[in-house]
Amino acid sequence: MLFVIQGNKYEEFMNEVFNYEYVDSRYYTVMDPEGKFLESNKDIPRWIIESSVLIDSENKIKMVGAP
């Protein structure tokens, strides 16, 4: 799973995330301080960007919902 977070301070953000017991470090998380991910991926529909997406092992979208 990949999380792209628009922000500046990766370590501060991750320290806050790991304060929750149910979160572990097996997910890929990157910071995008300049918003380049959205700028470079304009073909991703906005409704997907603004929702949570569950993708199965065959890379098929199984569920889309509000975060």
PDB file of N, CA and C in Angstrom:
ATOM      1  N   MET A   1       0.852  -1.158   0.000  1.00  0.00           N
ATOM      2  CA  MET A   1       0.000   0.000   0.000  1.00  0.00           C
ATOM      3  C   MET A   1       0.901   1.223   0.000  1.00  0.00           C
ATOM      4  N   LEU A   2       0.519   2.218  -0.741  1.00  0.00           N
ATOM      5  CA  LEU A   2       1.288   3.458  -0.838  1.00  0.00           C
ATOM      6  C   LEU A   2       0.420   4.619  -0.401  1.00  0.00           C
ATOM      7  N   PHE A   3       0.962   5.435   0.487  1.00  0.00           N
ATOM      8  CA  PHE A   3       0.308   6.678   0.889  1.00  0.00           C
ATOM      9  C   PHE A   3       1.164   7.827   0.387  1.00  0.00           C
ATOM     10  N   VAL A   4       0.556   8.763  -0.314  1.00  0.00           N
ATOM     11  CA  VAL A   4       1.241   9.973  -0.741  1.00  0.00           C
ATOM     12  C   VAL A   4       0.630  11.108   0.065  1.00  0.00           C
ATOM     13  N   ILE A   5       1.433  11.725   0.904  1.00  0.00           N
ATOM     14  CA  ILE A   5       0.965  12.762   1.816  1.00  0.00           C
ATOM     15  C   ILE A   5       1.509  14.100   1.344  1.00  0.00           C
ATOM     16  N   GLN A   6       0.619  15.057   1.149  1.00  0.00           N
ATOM     17  CA  GLN A   6       1.081  16.384   0.775  1.00  0.00           C
ATOM     18  C   GLN A   6       1.432  17.126   2.058  1.00  0.00           C
ATOM     19  N   GLY A   7       2.710  17.330   2.272  1.00  0.00           N
ATOM     20  CA  GLY A   7       3.205  17.972   3.488  1.00  0.00           C
ATOM     21  C   GLY A   7       4.702  18.153   3.410  1.00  0.00           C
ATOM     22  N   ASN A   8       5.279  18.675   4.487  1.00  0.00           N
ATOM     23  CA  ASN A   8       6.701  19.011   4.469  1.00  0.00           C
ATOM     24  C   ASN A   8       7.576  18.214   5.417  1.00  0.00           C
ATOM     25  N   LYS A   9       7.049  17.774   6.537  1.00  0.00           N
ATOM     26  CA  LYS A   9       7.887  17.213   7.589  1.00  0.00           C
ATOM     27  C   LYS A   9       7.584  15.733   7.794  1.00  0.00           C
ATOM     28  N   TYR A  10       8.275  14.889   7.052  1.00  0.00           N
ATOM     29  CA  TYR A  10       8.038  13.450   7.066  1.00  0.00           C
ATOM     30  C   TYR A  10       8.194  12.868   8.466  1.00  0.00           C
ATOM     31  N   GLU A  11       9.310  13.137   9.123  1.00  0.00           N
ATOM     32  CA  GLU A  11       9.565  12.525  10.430  1.00  0.00           C
ATOM     33  C   GLU A  11       8.530  12.950  11.457  1.00  0.00           C
ATOM     34  N   GLU A  12       8.156  14.219  11.482  1.00  0.00           N
ATOM     35  CA  GLU A  12       7.126  14.678  12.422  1.00  0.00           C
ATOM     36  C   GLU A  12       5.793  13.994  12.136  1.00  0.00           C
ATOM     37  N   PHE A  13       5.451  13.891  10.870  1.00  0.00           N
ATOM     38  CA  PHE A  13       4.195  13.239  10.491  1.00  0.00           C
ATOM     39  C   PHE A  13       4.192  11.776  10.922  1.00  0.00           C
ATOM     40  N   MET A  14       5.276  11.050  10.616  1.00  0.00           N
ATOM     41  CA  MET A  14       5.331   9.628  10.939  1.00  0.00           C
ATOM     42  C   MET A  14       5.366   9.395  12.447  1.00  0.00           C
ATOM     43  N   ASN A  15       6.005  10.281  13.198  1.00  0.00           N
ATOM     44  CA  ASN A  15       5.978  10.155  14.658  1.00  0.00           C
ATOM     45  C   ASN A  15       4.553  10.238  15.176  1.00  0.00           C
ATOM     46  N   GLU A  16       3.767  11.126  14.621  1.00  0.00           N
ATOM     47  CA  GLU A  16       2.360  11.231  15.012  1.00  0.00           C
ATOM     48  C   GLU A  16       1.581   9.988  14.600  1.00  0.00           C
ATOM     49  N   VAL A  17       1.836   9.479  13.418  1.00  0.00           N
ATOM     50  CA  VAL A  17       1.138   8.288  12.930  1.00  0.00           C
ATOM     51  C   VAL A  17       1.417   7.102  13.848  1.00  0.00           C
ATOM     52  N   PHE A  18       2.670   6.919  14.234  1.00  0.00           N
ATOM     53  CA  PHE A  18       3.039   5.752  15.038  1.00  0.00           C
ATOM     54  C   PHE A  18       2.609   5.867  16.491  1.00  0.00           C
ATOM     55  N   ASN A  19       2.013   6.990  16.873  1.00  0.00           N
ATOM     56  CA  ASN A  19       1.431   7.109  18.210  1.00  0.00           C
ATOM     57  C   ASN A  19       0.199   6.229  18.354  1.00  0.00           C
ATOM     58  N   TYR A  20      -0.382   5.811  17.243  1.00  0.00           N
ATOM     59  CA  TYR A  20      -1.557   4.952  17.265  1.00  0.00           C
ATOM     60  C   TYR A  20      -1.101   3.498  17.249  1.00  0.00           C
ATOM     61  N   GLU A  21      -1.621   2.703  18.175  1.00  0.00           N
ATOM     62  CA  GLU A  21      -1.184   1.309  18.329  1.00  0.00           C
ATOM     63  C   GLU A  21      -1.478   0.443  17.104  1.00  0.00           C
ATOM     64  N   TYR A  22      -2.530   0.754  16.361  1.00  0.00           N
ATOM     65  CA  TYR A  22      -2.945  -0.101  15.255  1.00  0.00           C
ATOM     66  C   TYR A  22      -2.230   0.214  13.954  1.00  0.00           C
ATOM     67  N   VAL A  23      -1.265   1.101  13.959  1.00  0.00           N
ATOM     68  CA  VAL A  23      -0.520   1.451  12.755  1.00  0.00           C
ATOM     69  C   VAL A  23       0.876   0.845  12.858  1.00  0.00           C
ATOM     70  N   ASP A  24       1.320   0.206  11.797  1.00  0.00           N
ATOM     71  CA  ASP A  24       2.692  -0.289  11.794  1.00  0.00           C
ATOM     72  C   ASP A  24       3.431   0.262  10.574  1.00  0.00           C
ATOM     73  N   SER A  25       4.689  -0.115  10.426  1.00  0.00           N
ATOM     74  CA  SER A  25       5.538   0.493   9.394  1.00  0.00           C
ATOM     75  C   SER A  25       5.600  -0.309   8.103  1.00  0.00           C
ATOM     76  N   ARG A  26       4.657  -1.202   7.853  1.00  0.00           N
ATOM     77  CA  ARG A  26       4.752  -2.020   6.643  1.00  0.00           C
ATOM     78  C   ARG A  26       4.238  -1.313   5.391  1.00  0.00           C
ATOM     79  N   TYR A  27       3.733  -0.111   5.526  1.00  0.00           N
ATOM     80  CA  TYR A  27       3.201   0.624   4.384  1.00  0.00           C
ATOM     81  C   TYR A  27       4.241   1.613   3.859  1.00  0.00           C
ATOM     82  N   TYR A  28       4.198   1.859   2.560  1.00  0.00           N
ATOM     83  CA  TYR A  28       5.072   2.848   1.950  1.00  0.00           C
ATOM     84  C   TYR A  28       4.412   4.212   2.078  1.00  0.00           C
ATOM     85  N   THR A  29       5.153   5.154   2.618  1.00  0.00           N
ATOM     86  CA  THR A  29       4.630   6.500   2.809  1.00  0.00           C
ATOM     87  C   THR A  29       5.661   7.490   2.289  1.00  0.00           C
ATOM     88  N   VAL A  30       5.229   8.400   1.432  1.00  0.00           N
ATOM     89  CA  VAL A  30       6.125   9.431   0.914  1.00  0.00           C
ATOM     90  C   VAL A  30       5.486  10.791   1.114  1.00  0.00           C
ATOM     91  N   MET A  31       6.323  11.790   1.285  1.00  0.00           N
ATOM     92  CA  MET A  31       5.843  13.168   1.406  1.00  0.00           C
ATOM     93  C   MET A  31       5.986  13.850   0.058  1.00  0.00           C
ATOM     94  N   ASP A  32       5.028  14.668  -0.253  1.00  0.00           N
ATOM     95  CA  ASP A  32       4.993  15.395  -1.524  1.00  0.00           C
ATOM     96  C   ASP A  32       4.803  16.879  -1.219  1.00  0.00           C
ATOM     97  N   PRO A  33       5.876  17.563  -0.800  1.00  0.00           N
ATOM     98  CA  PRO A  33       5.734  18.955  -0.364  1.00  0.00           C
ATOM     99  C   PRO A  33       5.308  19.923  -1.465  1.00  0.00           C
ATOM    100  N   GLU A  34       5.554  19.593  -2.699  1.00  0.00           N
ATOM    101  CA  GLU A  34       5.230  20.516  -3.788  1.00  0.00           C
ATOM    102  C   GLU A  34       4.006  20.098  -4.591  1.00  0.00           C
ATOM    103  N   GLY A  35       3.322  19.053  -4.185  1.00  0.00           N
ATOM    104  CA  GLY A  35       2.131  18.604  -4.899  1.00  0.00           C
ATOM    105  C   GLY A  35       2.423  18.028  -6.269  1.00  0.00           C
ATOM    106  N   LYS A  36       3.603  17.490  -6.457  1.00  0.00           N
ATOM    107  CA  LYS A  36       4.005  16.958  -7.770  1.00  0.00           C
ATOM    108  C   LYS A  36       3.245  15.690  -8.158  1.00  0.00           C
ATOM    109  N   PHE A  37       2.855  14.874  -7.151  1.00  0.00           N
ATOM    110  CA  PHE A  37       2.147  13.638  -7.464  1.00  0.00           C
ATOM    111  C   PHE A  37       0.854  13.932  -8.209  1.00  0.00           C
ATOM    112  N   LEU A  38       0.043  14.826  -7.675  1.00  0.00           N
ATOM    113  CA  LEU A  38      -1.221  15.162  -8.338  1.00  0.00           C
ATOM    114  C   LEU A  38      -0.984  15.851  -9.677  1.00  0.00           C
ATOM    115  N   GLU A  39       0.030  16.699  -9.708  1.00  0.00           N
ATOM    116  CA  GLU A  39       0.358  17.413 -10.949  1.00  0.00           C
ATOM    117  C   GLU A  39       0.789  16.429 -12.043  1.00  0.00           C
ATOM    118  N   SER A  40       1.525  15.398 -11.675  1.00  0.00           N
ATOM    119  CA  SER A  40       2.047  14.428 -12.641  1.00  0.00           C
ATOM    120  C   SER A  40       1.059  13.322 -12.983  1.00  0.00           C
ATOM    121  N   ASN A  41      -0.016  13.203 -12.228  1.00  0.00           N
ATOM    122  CA  ASN A  41      -0.983  12.125 -12.425  1.00  0.00           C
ATOM    123  C   ASN A  41      -2.391  12.680 -12.627  1.00  0.00           C
ATOM    124  N   LYS A  42      -2.514  13.573 -13.574  1.00  0.00           N
ATOM    125  CA  LYS A  42      -3.807  14.216 -13.833  1.00  0.00           C
ATOM    126  C   LYS A  42      -4.859  13.246 -14.361  1.00  0.00           C
ATOM    127  N   ASP A  43      -4.421  12.076 -14.818  1.00  0.00           N
ATOM    128  CA  ASP A  43      -5.373  11.102 -15.335  1.00  0.00           C
ATOM    129  C   ASP A  43      -6.097  10.338 -14.228  1.00  0.00           C
ATOM    130  N   ILE A  44      -5.644  10.473 -12.971  1.00  0.00           N
ATOM    131  CA  ILE A  44      -6.352   9.858 -11.854  1.00  0.00           C
ATOM    132  C   ILE A  44      -7.547  10.745 -11.526  1.00  0.00           C
ATOM    133  N   PRO A  45      -8.756  10.195 -11.597  1.00  0.00           N
ATOM    134  CA  PRO A  45      -9.939  11.014 -11.312  1.00  0.00           C
ATOM    135  C   PRO A  45      -9.905  11.594  -9.895  1.00  0.00           C
ATOM    136  N   ARG A  46     -10.357  12.811  -9.760  1.00  0.00           N
ATOM    137  CA  ARG A  46     -10.329  13.529  -8.481  1.00  0.00           C
ATOM    138  C   ARG A  46     -11.087  12.770  -7.390  1.00  0.00           C
ATOM    139  N   TRP A  47     -12.196  12.113  -7.757  1.00  0.00           N
ATOM    140  CA  TRP A  47     -12.990  11.402  -6.749  1.00  0.00           C
ATOM    141  C   TRP A  47     -12.206  10.250  -6.141  1.00  0.00           C
ATOM    142  N   ILE A  48     -11.250   9.683  -6.871  1.00  0.00           N
ATOM    143  CA  ILE A  48     -10.416   8.628  -6.306  1.00  0.00           C
ATOM    144  C   ILE A  48      -9.401   9.233  -5.347  1.00  0.00           C
ATOM    145  N   ILE A  49      -8.808  10.341  -5.716  1.00  0.00           N
ATOM    146  CA  ILE A  49      -7.819  11.002  -4.874  1.00  0.00           C
ATOM    147  C   ILE A  49      -8.439  11.389  -3.535  1.00  0.00           C
ATOM    148  N   GLU A  50      -9.679  11.791  -3.536  1.00  0.00           N
ATOM    149  CA  GLU A  50     -10.339  12.267  -2.321  1.00  0.00           C
ATOM    150  C   GLU A  50     -11.038  11.157  -1.552  1.00  0.00           C
ATOM    151  N   SER A  51     -10.801   9.910  -1.914  1.00  0.00           N
ATOM    152  CA  SER A  51     -11.421   8.774  -1.244  1.00  0.00           C
ATOM    153  C   SER A  51     -10.373   7.748  -0.839  1.00  0.00           C
ATOM    154  N   SER A  52     -10.791   6.821   0.002  1.00  0.00           N
ATOM    155  CA  SER A  52      -9.948   5.673   0.323  1.00  0.00           C
ATOM    156  C   SER A  52     -10.205   4.610  -0.723  1.00  0.00           C
ATOM    157  N   VAL A  53      -9.163   3.910  -1.139  1.00  0.00           N
ATOM    158  CA  VAL A  53      -9.292   2.898  -2.169  1.00  0.00           C
ATOM    159  C   VAL A  53      -8.696   1.586  -1.646  1.00  0.00           C
ATOM    160  N   LEU A  54      -9.437   0.501  -1.783  1.00  0.00           N
ATOM    161  CA  LEU A  54      -8.946  -0.821  -1.442  1.00  0.00           C
ATOM    162  C   LEU A  54      -8.689  -1.567  -2.740  1.00  0.00           C
ATOM    163  N   ILE A  55      -7.435  -2.008  -2.940  1.00  0.00           N
ATOM    164  CA  ILE A  55      -7.030  -2.695  -4.166  1.00  0.00           C
ATOM    165  C   ILE A  55      -6.599  -4.109  -3.802  1.00  0.00           C
ATOM    166  N   ASP A  56      -7.068  -5.098  -4.574  1.00  0.00           N
ATOM    167  CA  ASP A  56      -6.741  -6.494  -4.268  1.00  0.00           C
ATOM    168  C   ASP A  56      -5.388  -6.897  -4.859  1.00  0.00           C
ATOM    169  N   SER A  57      -5.009  -8.148  -4.684  1.00  0.00           N
ATOM    170  CA  SER A  57      -3.710  -8.636  -5.134  1.00  0.00           C
ATOM    171  C   SER A  57      -3.548  -8.634  -6.649  1.00  0.00           C
ATOM    172  N   GLU A  58      -4.663  -8.497  -7.376  1.00  0.00           N
ATOM    173  CA  GLU A  58      -4.605  -8.421  -8.843  1.00  0.00           C
ATOM    174  C   GLU A  58      -4.683  -6.979  -9.334  1.00  0.00           C
ATOM    175  N   ASN A  59      -4.487  -6.025  -8.417  1.00  0.00           N
ATOM    176  CA  ASN A  59      -4.520  -4.588  -8.708  1.00  0.00           C
ATOM    177  C   ASN A  59      -5.878  -4.113  -9.213  1.00  0.00           C
ATOM    178  N   LYS A  60      -6.937  -4.754  -8.753  1.00  0.00           N
ATOM    179  CA  LYS A  60      -8.292  -4.318  -9.090  1.00  0.00           C
ATOM    180  C   LYS A  60      -8.881  -3.586  -7.909  1.00  0.00           C
ATOM    181  N   ILE A  61      -9.558  -2.469  -8.197  1.00  0.00           N
ATOM    182  CA  ILE A  61     -10.211  -1.705  -7.131  1.00  0.00           C
ATOM    183  C   ILE A  61     -11.390  -2.502  -6.599  1.00  0.00           C
ATOM    184  N   LYS A  62     -11.392  -2.746  -5.295  1.00  0.00           N
ATOM    185  CA  LYS A  62     -12.453  -3.522  -4.663  1.00  0.00           C
ATOM    186  C   LYS A  62     -13.447  -2.635  -3.926  1.00  0.00           C
ATOM    187  N   MET A  63     -12.993  -1.489  -3.441  1.00  0.00           N
ATOM    188  CA  MET A  63     -13.863  -0.612  -2.672  1.00  0.00           C
ATOM    189  C   MET A  63     -13.337   0.817  -2.732  1.00  0.00           C
ATOM    190  N   VAL A  64     -14.238   1.777  -2.821  1.00  0.00           N
ATOM    191  CA  VAL A  64     -13.904   3.184  -2.757  1.00  0.00           C
ATOM    192  C   VAL A  64     -14.854   3.815  -1.751  1.00  0.00           C
ATOM    193  N   GLY A  65     -14.313   4.585  -0.824  1.00  0.00           N
ATOM    194  CA  GLY A  65     -15.172   5.218   0.176  1.00  0.00           C
ATOM    195  C   GLY A  65     -14.490   6.415   0.786  1.00  0.00           C
ATOM    196  N   ALA A  66     -15.238   7.137   1.571  1.00  0.00           N
ATOM    197  CA  ALA A  66     -14.707   8.314   2.244  1.00  0.00           C
ATOM    198  C   ALA A  66     -13.646   7.884   3.261  1.00  0.00           C
ATOM    199  N   PRO A  67     -12.553   8.651   3.365  1.00  0.00           N
ATOM    200  CA  PRO A  67     -11.506   8.280   4.328  1.00  0.00           C
ATOM    201  C   PRO A  67     -11.988   8.410   5.753  1.00  0.00           C
TER     202      PRO A  67
END
